[in-house]
Amino acid sequence: MDISKARCAECQRPMKVERMICPRCEVRLEGNFEIPALARLSMEDQAFVVAFLRHHGSIKRMESLFGISYPTVKNRLNSIAHALDESFNAPRAEEDERTHDGKAGPLKYLRVVVDGKDKVNVRVPIGLLRTGIKLTTLLPPRASDRLAQQGIDLSHLKNLDGEELMDALRELSVDVDSENGDTVHVFCE
C-alpha cells in the first residue's frame, strides 16, 4: 500500500500510523507515529528523488533517464521541494542563499551550459562581471560613441548599483531548447 495516499474514507484527511508489528516475532509497538515527509510523496515522486540522489543530483542524467527536458526536471524538483516544504519546516531556496546576518549569500559564477552535439560549460566569475561593469565607466567618450553606433549603449551601467546587479543575477535563469536538440542553460551559482 502506498501510505502517501492513505486517506480517511469519511473526511479525506491523511491517515496516521498507530501500530507497528514485527512480522517475524510479532512484537508490537503502539503509539502515534509520524510518517516521514518523503513517505508522504507519491511513489512516482519518491522514485524521482531516489534517482536524483543515486545520480548525484545530475540534471543531465535525469533528462536521459526520464526522457524529459531540463526545464521539466527543474519544475519537477521544484514541485517536490514545495511538497516537502509543506510537510516540515525545511529552509526554502531563498533562505538557503542567506548568510547568518540575513543578507543574500554571495554568487560566485555566471554559468553557460550547452548540452547537445557541441558541449559547452563556461563559468565566468561574478567578480569579473562586476569589474567589467565598473570598467565601462572608464571608457573614453569616443569608444562609447563608437559602441553606440553599433547599437550597444552602456551608459545605463554607470548608475547600476552592485547590489541591484546581484539581485538581478540571483533571479537569472534562462533555458533554451534549440531545433537541433541542443539545450542551453544560463544561470548563476
N, C-alpha and C. Protein backbone atom coordinates (compact mmCIF):
# COMPACT_ATOMS: atom_id res chain seq x y z
N MET A 1 0.83 -1.18 0.00
CA MET A 1 0.00 0.00 0.00
C MET A 1 0.88 1.24 0.00
N ASP A 2 0.52 2.22 -0.81
CA ASP A 2 1.22 3.50 -0.87
C ASP A 2 0.67 4.38 0.25
N ILE A 3 1.43 4.49 1.36
CA ILE A 3 0.91 5.23 2.52
C ILE A 3 0.77 6.72 2.24
N SER A 4 1.41 7.21 1.17
CA SER A 4 1.26 8.62 0.85
C SER A 4 -0.17 8.94 0.42
N LYS A 5 -0.91 7.91 0.00
CA LYS A 5 -2.28 8.13 -0.48
C LYS A 5 -3.34 7.65 0.52
N ALA A 6 -2.91 7.15 1.68
CA ALA A 6 -3.87 6.64 2.68
C ALA A 6 -4.65 7.80 3.27
N ARG A 7 -5.96 7.82 3.00
CA ARG A 7 -6.84 8.90 3.46
C ARG A 7 -8.05 8.31 4.15
N CYS A 8 -8.60 9.06 5.07
CA CYS A 8 -9.82 8.66 5.75
C CYS A 8 -10.97 8.66 4.74
N ALA A 9 -11.75 7.57 4.74
CA ALA A 9 -12.88 7.47 3.82
C ALA A 9 -13.96 8.50 4.14
N GLU A 10 -14.02 8.93 5.39
CA GLU A 10 -15.07 9.86 5.83
C GLU A 10 -14.72 11.31 5.52
N CYS A 11 -13.54 11.78 5.99
CA CYS A 11 -13.20 13.21 5.87
C CYS A 11 -12.09 13.49 4.87
N GLN A 12 -11.46 12.45 4.31
CA GLN A 12 -10.39 12.57 3.32
C GLN A 12 -9.07 13.14 3.86
N ARG A 13 -8.91 13.18 5.17
CA ARG A 13 -7.65 13.63 5.76
C ARG A 13 -6.65 12.48 5.75
N PRO A 14 -5.34 12.79 5.76
CA PRO A 14 -4.33 11.72 5.78
C PRO A 14 -4.46 10.86 7.04
N MET A 15 -4.25 9.57 6.86
CA MET A 15 -4.32 8.63 7.98
C MET A 15 -3.00 8.69 8.76
N LYS A 16 -3.05 8.29 10.05
CA LYS A 16 -1.86 8.23 10.90
C LYS A 16 -1.55 6.77 11.20
N VAL A 17 -0.28 6.50 11.41
CA VAL A 17 0.16 5.16 11.78
C VAL A 17 0.17 5.08 13.30
N GLU A 18 -0.51 4.08 13.86
CA GLU A 18 -0.56 3.93 15.31
C GLU A 18 -0.01 2.60 15.79
N ARG A 19 0.22 1.65 14.90
CA ARG A 19 0.69 0.33 15.32
C ARG A 19 1.71 -0.19 14.32
N MET A 20 2.79 -0.76 14.86
CA MET A 20 3.79 -1.43 14.03
C MET A 20 4.01 -2.81 14.61
N ILE A 21 4.18 -3.79 13.73
CA ILE A 21 4.33 -5.18 14.16
C ILE A 21 5.54 -5.79 13.45
N CYS A 22 6.37 -6.50 14.20
CA CYS A 22 7.47 -7.24 13.60
C CYS A 22 6.86 -8.51 13.00
N PRO A 23 6.99 -8.76 11.71
CA PRO A 23 6.37 -9.93 11.11
C PRO A 23 6.99 -11.25 11.58
N ARG A 24 8.22 -11.23 12.05
CA ARG A 24 8.89 -12.45 12.46
C ARG A 24 8.50 -12.86 13.88
N CYS A 25 8.65 -11.97 14.84
CA CYS A 25 8.40 -12.34 16.24
C CYS A 25 7.13 -11.70 16.81
N GLU A 26 6.42 -10.97 16.02
CA GLU A 26 5.14 -10.37 16.37
C GLU A 26 5.20 -9.40 17.55
N VAL A 27 6.36 -8.79 17.77
CA VAL A 27 6.45 -7.72 18.77
C VAL A 27 5.67 -6.53 18.21
N ARG A 28 4.88 -5.91 19.06
CA ARG A 28 4.02 -4.81 18.62
C ARG A 28 4.41 -3.51 19.34
N LEU A 29 4.37 -2.43 18.57
CA LEU A 29 4.55 -1.09 19.12
C LEU A 29 3.28 -0.31 18.81
N GLU A 30 2.75 0.33 19.81
CA GLU A 30 1.58 1.15 19.59
C GLU A 30 1.89 2.56 20.04
N GLY A 31 1.39 3.52 19.31
CA GLY A 31 1.61 4.93 19.63
C GLY A 31 1.14 5.78 18.46
N ASN A 32 1.61 6.98 18.41
CA ASN A 32 1.26 7.90 17.33
C ASN A 32 2.53 8.17 16.53
N PHE A 33 2.74 7.44 15.43
CA PHE A 33 3.97 7.53 14.66
C PHE A 33 3.81 8.52 13.51
N GLU A 34 4.81 9.36 13.36
CA GLU A 34 4.82 10.36 12.30
C GLU A 34 5.29 9.70 11.00
N ILE A 35 4.58 9.93 9.94
CA ILE A 35 5.02 9.44 8.62
C ILE A 35 6.04 10.44 8.09
N PRO A 36 7.23 9.98 7.72
CA PRO A 36 8.27 10.90 7.23
C PRO A 36 7.79 11.66 5.99
N ALA A 37 8.31 12.87 5.84
CA ALA A 37 7.90 13.74 4.72
C ALA A 37 8.12 13.06 3.37
N LEU A 38 9.23 12.35 3.21
CA LEU A 38 9.50 11.69 1.93
C LEU A 38 8.46 10.60 1.66
N ALA A 39 7.99 9.94 2.71
CA ALA A 39 6.99 8.88 2.53
C ALA A 39 5.63 9.46 2.16
N ARG A 40 5.43 10.75 2.41
CA ARG A 40 4.17 11.38 2.04
C ARG A 40 4.11 11.74 0.55
N LEU A 41 5.26 11.68 -0.11
CA LEU A 41 5.28 11.93 -1.55
C LEU A 41 4.65 10.75 -2.28
N SER A 42 4.18 11.00 -3.49
CA SER A 42 3.66 9.90 -4.30
C SER A 42 4.81 8.94 -4.62
N MET A 43 4.48 7.71 -4.98
CA MET A 43 5.52 6.73 -5.32
C MET A 43 6.37 7.22 -6.49
N GLU A 44 5.74 7.90 -7.45
CA GLU A 44 6.48 8.42 -8.61
C GLU A 44 7.49 9.48 -8.16
N ASP A 45 7.06 10.37 -7.27
CA ASP A 45 7.98 11.40 -6.78
C ASP A 45 9.08 10.80 -5.93
N GLN A 46 8.76 9.77 -5.14
CA GLN A 46 9.79 9.09 -4.35
C GLN A 46 10.84 8.47 -5.27
N ALA A 47 10.39 7.83 -6.34
CA ALA A 47 11.32 7.22 -7.30
C ALA A 47 12.19 8.29 -7.96
N PHE A 48 11.59 9.45 -8.24
CA PHE A 48 12.33 10.56 -8.86
C PHE A 48 13.43 11.06 -7.92
N VAL A 49 13.09 11.22 -6.63
CA VAL A 49 14.06 11.67 -5.64
C VAL A 49 15.19 10.65 -5.50
N VAL A 50 14.85 9.37 -5.43
CA VAL A 50 15.87 8.33 -5.31
C VAL A 50 16.80 8.34 -6.52
N ALA A 51 16.24 8.45 -7.72
CA ALA A 51 17.07 8.51 -8.93
C ALA A 51 17.98 9.74 -8.91
N PHE A 52 17.43 10.86 -8.49
CA PHE A 52 18.20 12.11 -8.43
C PHE A 52 19.38 11.95 -7.47
N LEU A 53 19.15 11.34 -6.32
CA LEU A 53 20.22 11.13 -5.34
C LEU A 53 21.24 10.11 -5.84
N ARG A 54 20.76 9.03 -6.44
CA ARG A 54 21.68 8.00 -6.94
C ARG A 54 22.60 8.53 -8.02
N HIS A 55 22.14 9.54 -8.75
CA HIS A 55 22.94 10.11 -9.83
C HIS A 55 23.56 11.44 -9.42
N HIS A 56 23.73 11.60 -8.10
CA HIS A 56 24.45 12.73 -7.51
C HIS A 56 23.91 14.08 -7.96
N GLY A 57 22.61 14.17 -8.15
CA GLY A 57 21.99 15.44 -8.49
C GLY A 57 22.23 15.89 -9.93
N SER A 58 22.57 14.96 -10.79
CA SER A 58 22.84 15.32 -12.20
C SER A 58 21.52 15.50 -12.97
N ILE A 59 21.24 16.74 -13.30
CA ILE A 59 20.03 17.02 -14.06
C ILE A 59 20.14 16.42 -15.45
N LYS A 60 21.34 16.45 -16.02
CA LYS A 60 21.55 15.87 -17.35
C LYS A 60 21.19 14.37 -17.34
N ARG A 61 21.61 13.66 -16.30
CA ARG A 61 21.31 12.23 -16.19
C ARG A 61 19.80 12.02 -16.01
N MET A 62 19.15 12.90 -15.25
CA MET A 62 17.70 12.79 -15.05
C MET A 62 16.97 13.00 -16.37
N GLU A 63 17.48 13.92 -17.21
CA GLU A 63 16.87 14.15 -18.52
C GLU A 63 16.86 12.86 -19.33
N SER A 64 18.02 12.16 -19.35
CA SER A 64 18.10 10.95 -20.16
C SER A 64 17.34 9.78 -19.53
N LEU A 65 17.37 9.66 -18.20
CA LEU A 65 16.66 8.57 -17.52
C LEU A 65 15.15 8.63 -17.74
N PHE A 66 14.60 9.84 -17.60
CA PHE A 66 13.16 10.00 -17.66
C PHE A 66 12.66 10.49 -19.02
N GLY A 67 13.60 10.80 -19.93
CA GLY A 67 13.21 11.26 -21.27
C GLY A 67 12.48 12.60 -21.23
N ILE A 68 12.96 13.50 -20.34
CA ILE A 68 12.32 14.81 -20.20
C ILE A 68 13.37 15.91 -20.35
N SER A 69 12.92 17.13 -20.56
CA SER A 69 13.83 18.26 -20.78
C SER A 69 14.33 18.84 -19.46
N TYR A 70 15.38 19.64 -19.57
CA TYR A 70 15.95 20.32 -18.39
C TYR A 70 14.88 21.10 -17.63
N PRO A 71 14.08 21.96 -18.31
CA PRO A 71 13.06 22.70 -17.57
C PRO A 71 12.05 21.78 -16.87
N THR A 72 11.74 20.65 -17.47
CA THR A 72 10.79 19.71 -16.86
C THR A 72 11.40 19.10 -15.60
N VAL A 73 12.69 18.75 -15.65
CA VAL A 73 13.37 18.22 -14.46
C VAL A 73 13.34 19.26 -13.36
N LYS A 74 13.70 20.52 -13.70
CA LYS A 74 13.72 21.59 -12.70
C LYS A 74 12.32 21.81 -12.12
N ASN A 75 11.30 21.82 -12.96
CA ASN A 75 9.93 22.02 -12.48
C ASN A 75 9.50 20.89 -11.55
N ARG A 76 9.87 19.67 -11.91
CA ARG A 76 9.50 18.52 -11.08
C ARG A 76 10.20 18.59 -9.72
N LEU A 77 11.48 18.94 -9.73
CA LEU A 77 12.22 19.10 -8.47
C LEU A 77 11.63 20.22 -7.63
N ASN A 78 11.26 21.32 -8.27
CA ASN A 78 10.64 22.44 -7.54
C ASN A 78 9.31 22.01 -6.93
N SER A 79 8.54 21.23 -7.67
CA SER A 79 7.25 20.74 -7.18
C SER A 79 7.44 19.82 -5.97
N ILE A 80 8.42 18.93 -6.06
CA ILE A 80 8.71 18.02 -4.95
C ILE A 80 9.20 18.81 -3.74
N ALA A 81 10.09 19.78 -3.97
CA ALA A 81 10.59 20.61 -2.87
C ALA A 81 9.44 21.36 -2.20
N HIS A 82 8.51 21.85 -2.99
CA HIS A 82 7.35 22.55 -2.43
C HIS A 82 6.52 21.61 -1.56
N ALA A 83 6.31 20.38 -2.04
CA ALA A 83 5.55 19.40 -1.27
C ALA A 83 6.27 19.07 0.04
N LEU A 84 7.59 18.94 -0.01
CA LEU A 84 8.36 18.66 1.20
C LEU A 84 8.33 19.84 2.16
N ASP A 85 8.43 21.06 1.62
CA ASP A 85 8.38 22.25 2.46
C ASP A 85 7.07 22.35 3.22
N GLU A 86 5.99 21.88 2.61
CA GLU A 86 4.70 21.91 3.28
C GLU A 86 4.62 20.86 4.39
N SER A 87 5.45 19.81 4.28
CA SER A 87 5.41 18.73 5.26
C SER A 87 6.19 19.03 6.53
N PHE A 88 7.25 19.78 6.42
CA PHE A 88 8.04 20.14 7.59
C PHE A 88 8.78 21.44 7.31
N ASN A 89 9.35 22.02 8.33
CA ASN A 89 9.98 23.33 8.20
C ASN A 89 11.39 23.22 7.64
N ALA A 90 11.48 22.96 6.36
CA ALA A 90 12.78 22.95 5.70
C ALA A 90 13.09 24.36 5.21
N PRO A 91 14.36 24.76 5.21
CA PRO A 91 14.67 26.09 4.68
C PRO A 91 14.34 26.14 3.20
N ARG A 92 13.71 27.20 2.79
CA ARG A 92 13.37 27.37 1.37
C ARG A 92 14.62 27.83 0.63
N ALA A 93 14.58 27.70 -0.71
CA ALA A 93 15.74 28.05 -1.52
C ALA A 93 16.23 29.47 -1.23
N GLU A 94 15.29 30.43 -1.09
CA GLU A 94 15.73 31.79 -0.83
C GLU A 94 16.38 31.93 0.53
N GLU A 95 15.95 31.10 1.50
CA GLU A 95 16.56 31.13 2.82
C GLU A 95 17.95 30.50 2.77
N ASP A 96 18.13 29.48 1.93
CA ASP A 96 19.42 28.82 1.81
C ASP A 96 20.49 29.79 1.32
N GLU A 97 20.09 30.79 0.53
CA GLU A 97 21.05 31.72 -0.03
C GLU A 97 21.37 32.86 0.92
N ARG A 98 20.85 32.83 2.12
CA ARG A 98 21.07 33.91 3.08
C ARG A 98 22.23 33.56 4.00
N THR A 99 22.97 34.58 4.37
CA THR A 99 24.05 34.38 5.33
C THR A 99 23.49 34.51 6.73
N HIS A 100 24.33 34.33 7.74
CA HIS A 100 23.87 34.37 9.12
C HIS A 100 23.25 35.72 9.50
N ASP A 101 23.65 36.82 8.83
CA ASP A 101 23.08 38.12 9.18
C ASP A 101 21.88 38.49 8.32
N GLY A 102 21.39 37.53 7.53
CA GLY A 102 20.17 37.75 6.75
C GLY A 102 20.39 38.34 5.38
N LYS A 103 21.63 38.69 5.04
CA LYS A 103 21.90 39.23 3.71
C LYS A 103 22.03 38.08 2.72
N ALA A 104 21.79 38.39 1.45
CA ALA A 104 21.89 37.36 0.42
C ALA A 104 23.33 36.85 0.34
N GLY A 105 23.47 35.55 0.22
CA GLY A 105 24.78 34.94 0.11
C GLY A 105 25.44 35.29 -1.21
N PRO A 106 26.75 35.14 -1.28
CA PRO A 106 27.47 35.56 -2.48
C PRO A 106 27.27 34.60 -3.65
N LEU A 107 27.06 35.18 -4.80
CA LEU A 107 27.06 34.39 -6.04
C LEU A 107 28.51 34.33 -6.50
N LYS A 108 28.92 33.21 -7.04
CA LYS A 108 30.32 33.08 -7.44
C LYS A 108 30.51 33.05 -8.95
N TYR A 109 29.55 32.45 -9.68
CA TYR A 109 29.75 32.28 -11.11
C TYR A 109 28.48 32.52 -11.91
N LEU A 110 28.67 33.02 -13.12
CA LEU A 110 27.64 33.02 -14.14
C LEU A 110 27.97 31.79 -14.99
N ARG A 111 27.01 30.88 -15.14
CA ARG A 111 27.26 29.63 -15.87
C ARG A 111 26.50 29.63 -17.18
N VAL A 112 27.14 29.15 -18.22
CA VAL A 112 26.51 28.90 -19.50
C VAL A 112 26.84 27.45 -19.85
N VAL A 113 25.79 26.62 -19.96
CA VAL A 113 25.97 25.20 -20.24
C VAL A 113 25.17 24.86 -21.49
N VAL A 114 25.84 24.23 -22.46
CA VAL A 114 25.16 23.77 -23.67
C VAL A 114 25.30 22.26 -23.73
N ASP A 115 24.16 21.56 -23.75
CA ASP A 115 24.14 20.11 -23.90
C ASP A 115 23.63 19.81 -25.29
N GLY A 116 24.33 19.01 -26.01
CA GLY A 116 23.93 18.65 -27.36
C GLY A 116 25.13 18.14 -28.10
N LYS A 117 25.13 18.36 -29.41
CA LYS A 117 26.25 17.91 -30.25
C LYS A 117 27.55 18.58 -29.77
N ASP A 118 27.49 19.88 -29.57
CA ASP A 118 28.63 20.61 -29.03
C ASP A 118 28.42 20.80 -27.54
N LYS A 119 29.38 20.37 -26.74
CA LYS A 119 29.30 20.51 -25.29
C LYS A 119 30.04 21.79 -24.89
N VAL A 120 29.36 22.65 -24.13
CA VAL A 120 29.96 23.88 -23.64
C VAL A 120 29.64 24.00 -22.16
N ASN A 121 30.64 24.36 -21.38
CA ASN A 121 30.43 24.58 -19.95
C ASN A 121 31.33 25.74 -19.54
N VAL A 122 30.77 26.95 -19.46
CA VAL A 122 31.55 28.15 -19.17
C VAL A 122 31.17 28.66 -17.79
N ARG A 123 32.18 28.95 -16.99
CA ARG A 123 31.98 29.55 -15.67
C ARG A 123 32.70 30.89 -15.66
N VAL A 124 31.93 31.98 -15.59
CA VAL A 124 32.51 33.32 -15.54
C VAL A 124 32.39 33.82 -14.10
N PRO A 125 33.51 34.12 -13.46
CA PRO A 125 33.42 34.63 -12.09
C PRO A 125 32.59 35.91 -12.02
N ILE A 126 31.71 35.99 -11.04
CA ILE A 126 30.87 37.18 -10.87
C ILE A 126 31.74 38.41 -10.67
N GLY A 127 32.86 38.25 -9.98
CA GLY A 127 33.78 39.38 -9.78
C GLY A 127 34.24 39.97 -11.09
N LEU A 128 34.44 39.13 -12.11
CA LEU A 128 34.83 39.61 -13.43
C LEU A 128 33.72 40.44 -14.06
N LEU A 129 32.47 40.02 -13.87
CA LEU A 129 31.34 40.79 -14.38
C LEU A 129 31.28 42.16 -13.71
N ARG A 130 31.43 42.16 -12.39
CA ARG A 130 31.41 43.43 -11.66
C ARG A 130 32.52 44.36 -12.14
N THR A 131 33.72 43.79 -12.30
CA THR A 131 34.85 44.59 -12.76
C THR A 131 34.58 45.11 -14.16
N GLY A 132 34.04 44.28 -15.03
CA GLY A 132 33.72 44.71 -16.39
C GLY A 132 32.74 45.86 -16.42
N ILE A 133 31.75 45.80 -15.54
CA ILE A 133 30.75 46.88 -15.47
C ILE A 133 31.41 48.16 -14.98
N LYS A 134 32.29 48.05 -13.99
CA LYS A 134 32.99 49.23 -13.49
C LYS A 134 33.88 49.82 -14.57
N LEU A 135 34.52 48.96 -15.36
CA LEU A 135 35.41 49.44 -16.41
C LEU A 135 34.66 50.19 -17.51
N THR A 136 33.38 49.88 -17.70
CA THR A 136 32.62 50.59 -18.74
C THR A 136 32.51 52.07 -18.42
N THR A 137 32.59 52.41 -17.14
CA THR A 137 32.53 53.83 -16.77
C THR A 137 33.81 54.55 -17.14
N LEU A 138 34.89 53.80 -17.40
CA LEU A 138 36.18 54.40 -17.75
C LEU A 138 36.41 54.49 -19.25
N LEU A 139 35.45 54.03 -20.03
CA LEU A 139 35.61 54.08 -21.48
C LEU A 139 35.70 55.53 -21.95
N PRO A 140 36.63 55.81 -22.85
CA PRO A 140 36.69 57.17 -23.40
C PRO A 140 35.40 57.47 -24.16
N PRO A 141 34.99 58.73 -24.19
CA PRO A 141 33.75 59.09 -24.88
C PRO A 141 33.72 58.60 -26.33
N ARG A 142 34.87 58.65 -27.00
CA ARG A 142 34.92 58.20 -28.40
C ARG A 142 34.57 56.72 -28.53
N ALA A 143 35.05 55.91 -27.57
CA ALA A 143 34.76 54.47 -27.60
C ALA A 143 33.28 54.23 -27.32
N SER A 144 32.72 54.99 -26.36
CA SER A 144 31.29 54.86 -26.06
C SER A 144 30.44 55.24 -27.26
N ASP A 145 30.84 56.31 -27.96
CA ASP A 145 30.11 56.74 -29.16
C ASP A 145 30.17 55.67 -30.24
N ARG A 146 31.35 55.07 -30.39
CA ARG A 146 31.53 54.02 -31.41
C ARG A 146 30.64 52.81 -31.11
N LEU A 147 30.58 52.42 -29.85
CA LEU A 147 29.72 51.31 -29.44
C LEU A 147 28.25 51.66 -29.67
N ALA A 148 27.89 52.91 -29.36
CA ALA A 148 26.50 53.35 -29.56
C ALA A 148 26.12 53.28 -31.03
N GLN A 149 27.05 53.58 -31.92
CA GLN A 149 26.79 53.47 -33.35
C GLN A 149 26.49 52.02 -33.76
N GLN A 150 27.05 51.09 -33.02
CA GLN A 150 26.82 49.66 -33.29
C GLN A 150 25.58 49.14 -32.57
N GLY A 151 24.89 50.05 -31.85
CA GLY A 151 23.68 49.65 -31.15
C GLY A 151 23.92 49.16 -29.73
N ILE A 152 25.11 49.42 -29.21
CA ILE A 152 25.44 48.99 -27.85
C ILE A 152 25.53 50.22 -26.96
N ASP A 153 24.56 50.36 -26.06
CA ASP A 153 24.51 51.50 -25.16
C ASP A 153 24.87 51.06 -23.75
N LEU A 154 26.03 51.48 -23.27
CA LEU A 154 26.50 51.09 -21.94
C LEU A 154 26.28 52.19 -20.91
N SER A 155 25.65 53.29 -21.31
CA SER A 155 25.50 54.43 -20.40
C SER A 155 24.70 54.08 -19.14
N HIS A 156 23.72 53.19 -19.26
CA HIS A 156 22.91 52.84 -18.09
C HIS A 156 23.70 52.05 -17.05
N LEU A 157 24.83 51.48 -17.42
CA LEU A 157 25.64 50.72 -16.47
C LEU A 157 26.36 51.62 -15.47
N LYS A 158 26.53 52.90 -15.83
CA LYS A 158 27.23 53.82 -14.93
C LYS A 158 26.49 53.99 -13.62
N ASN A 159 25.16 53.92 -13.67
CA ASN A 159 24.35 54.13 -12.47
C ASN A 159 23.90 52.83 -11.82
N LEU A 160 24.37 51.70 -12.32
CA LEU A 160 23.94 50.42 -11.79
C LEU A 160 24.60 50.14 -10.45
N ASP A 161 23.78 49.91 -9.45
CA ASP A 161 24.24 49.57 -8.11
C ASP A 161 24.67 48.10 -8.11
N GLY A 162 25.78 47.79 -7.43
CA GLY A 162 26.29 46.42 -7.37
C GLY A 162 25.27 45.45 -6.79
N GLU A 163 24.51 45.89 -5.78
CA GLU A 163 23.50 45.02 -5.18
C GLU A 163 22.34 44.77 -6.13
N GLU A 164 22.00 45.78 -6.95
CA GLU A 164 20.94 45.58 -7.95
C GLU A 164 21.36 44.49 -8.93
N LEU A 165 22.64 44.53 -9.31
CA LEU A 165 23.17 43.51 -10.23
C LEU A 165 23.08 42.13 -9.58
N MET A 166 23.49 42.02 -8.32
CA MET A 166 23.46 40.73 -7.64
C MET A 166 22.03 40.21 -7.49
N ASP A 167 21.09 41.10 -7.18
CA ASP A 167 19.69 40.69 -7.08
C ASP A 167 19.18 40.20 -8.43
N ALA A 168 19.52 40.90 -9.49
CA ALA A 168 19.09 40.50 -10.83
C ALA A 168 19.70 39.16 -11.22
N LEU A 169 20.99 38.98 -10.92
CA LEU A 169 21.66 37.71 -11.26
C LEU A 169 21.11 36.55 -10.44
N ARG A 170 20.72 36.82 -9.20
CA ARG A 170 20.17 35.76 -8.35
C ARG A 170 18.89 35.19 -8.96
N GLU A 171 18.15 36.03 -9.65
CA GLU A 171 16.89 35.61 -10.28
C GLU A 171 17.10 35.06 -11.69
N LEU A 172 18.31 35.20 -12.23
CA LEU A 172 18.57 34.82 -13.62
C LEU A 172 18.49 33.31 -13.82
N SER A 173 17.69 32.90 -14.79
CA SER A 173 17.62 31.51 -15.20
C SER A 173 17.05 31.50 -16.61
N VAL A 174 17.89 31.13 -17.58
CA VAL A 174 17.46 31.09 -18.97
C VAL A 174 17.66 29.67 -19.48
N ASP A 175 16.63 29.09 -20.04
CA ASP A 175 16.70 27.75 -20.62
C ASP A 175 16.18 27.82 -22.05
N VAL A 176 16.98 27.30 -22.99
CA VAL A 176 16.60 27.33 -24.40
C VAL A 176 16.80 25.94 -24.98
N ASP A 177 15.77 25.42 -25.63
CA ASP A 177 15.88 24.17 -26.37
C ASP A 177 15.87 24.53 -27.86
N SER A 178 16.96 24.22 -28.55
CA SER A 178 17.06 24.59 -29.97
C SER A 178 16.44 23.52 -30.85
N GLU A 179 16.22 23.86 -32.11
CA GLU A 179 15.62 22.92 -33.06
C GLU A 179 16.50 21.71 -33.30
N ASN A 180 17.83 21.89 -33.20
CA ASN A 180 18.74 20.78 -33.48
C ASN A 180 18.98 19.89 -32.25
N GLY A 181 18.23 20.14 -31.16
CA GLY A 181 18.33 19.28 -29.99
C GLY A 181 19.27 19.78 -28.92
N ASP A 182 19.99 20.88 -29.17
CA ASP A 182 20.87 21.42 -28.14
C ASP A 182 20.03 22.11 -27.07
N THR A 183 20.49 22.03 -25.84
CA THR A 183 19.83 22.70 -24.72
C THR A 183 20.84 23.67 -24.12
N VAL A 184 20.43 24.93 -23.95
CA VAL A 184 21.30 25.96 -23.40
C VAL A 184 20.73 26.39 -22.05
N HIS A 185 21.58 26.42 -21.04
CA HIS A 185 21.18 26.85 -19.69
C HIS A 185 22.10 28.00 -19.29
N VAL A 186 21.53 29.11 -18.85
CA VAL A 186 22.29 30.24 -18.33
C VAL A 186 21.76 30.51 -16.94
N PHE A 187 22.64 30.48 -15.94
CA PHE A 187 22.21 30.68 -14.55
C PHE A 187 23.40 31.10 -13.72
N CYS A 188 23.13 31.51 -12.49
CA CYS A 188 24.20 31.90 -11.56
C CYS A 188 24.21 30.94 -10.39
N GLU A 189 25.40 30.76 -9.85
CA GLU A 189 25.53 29.89 -8.68
C GLU A 189 26.55 30.46 -7.73
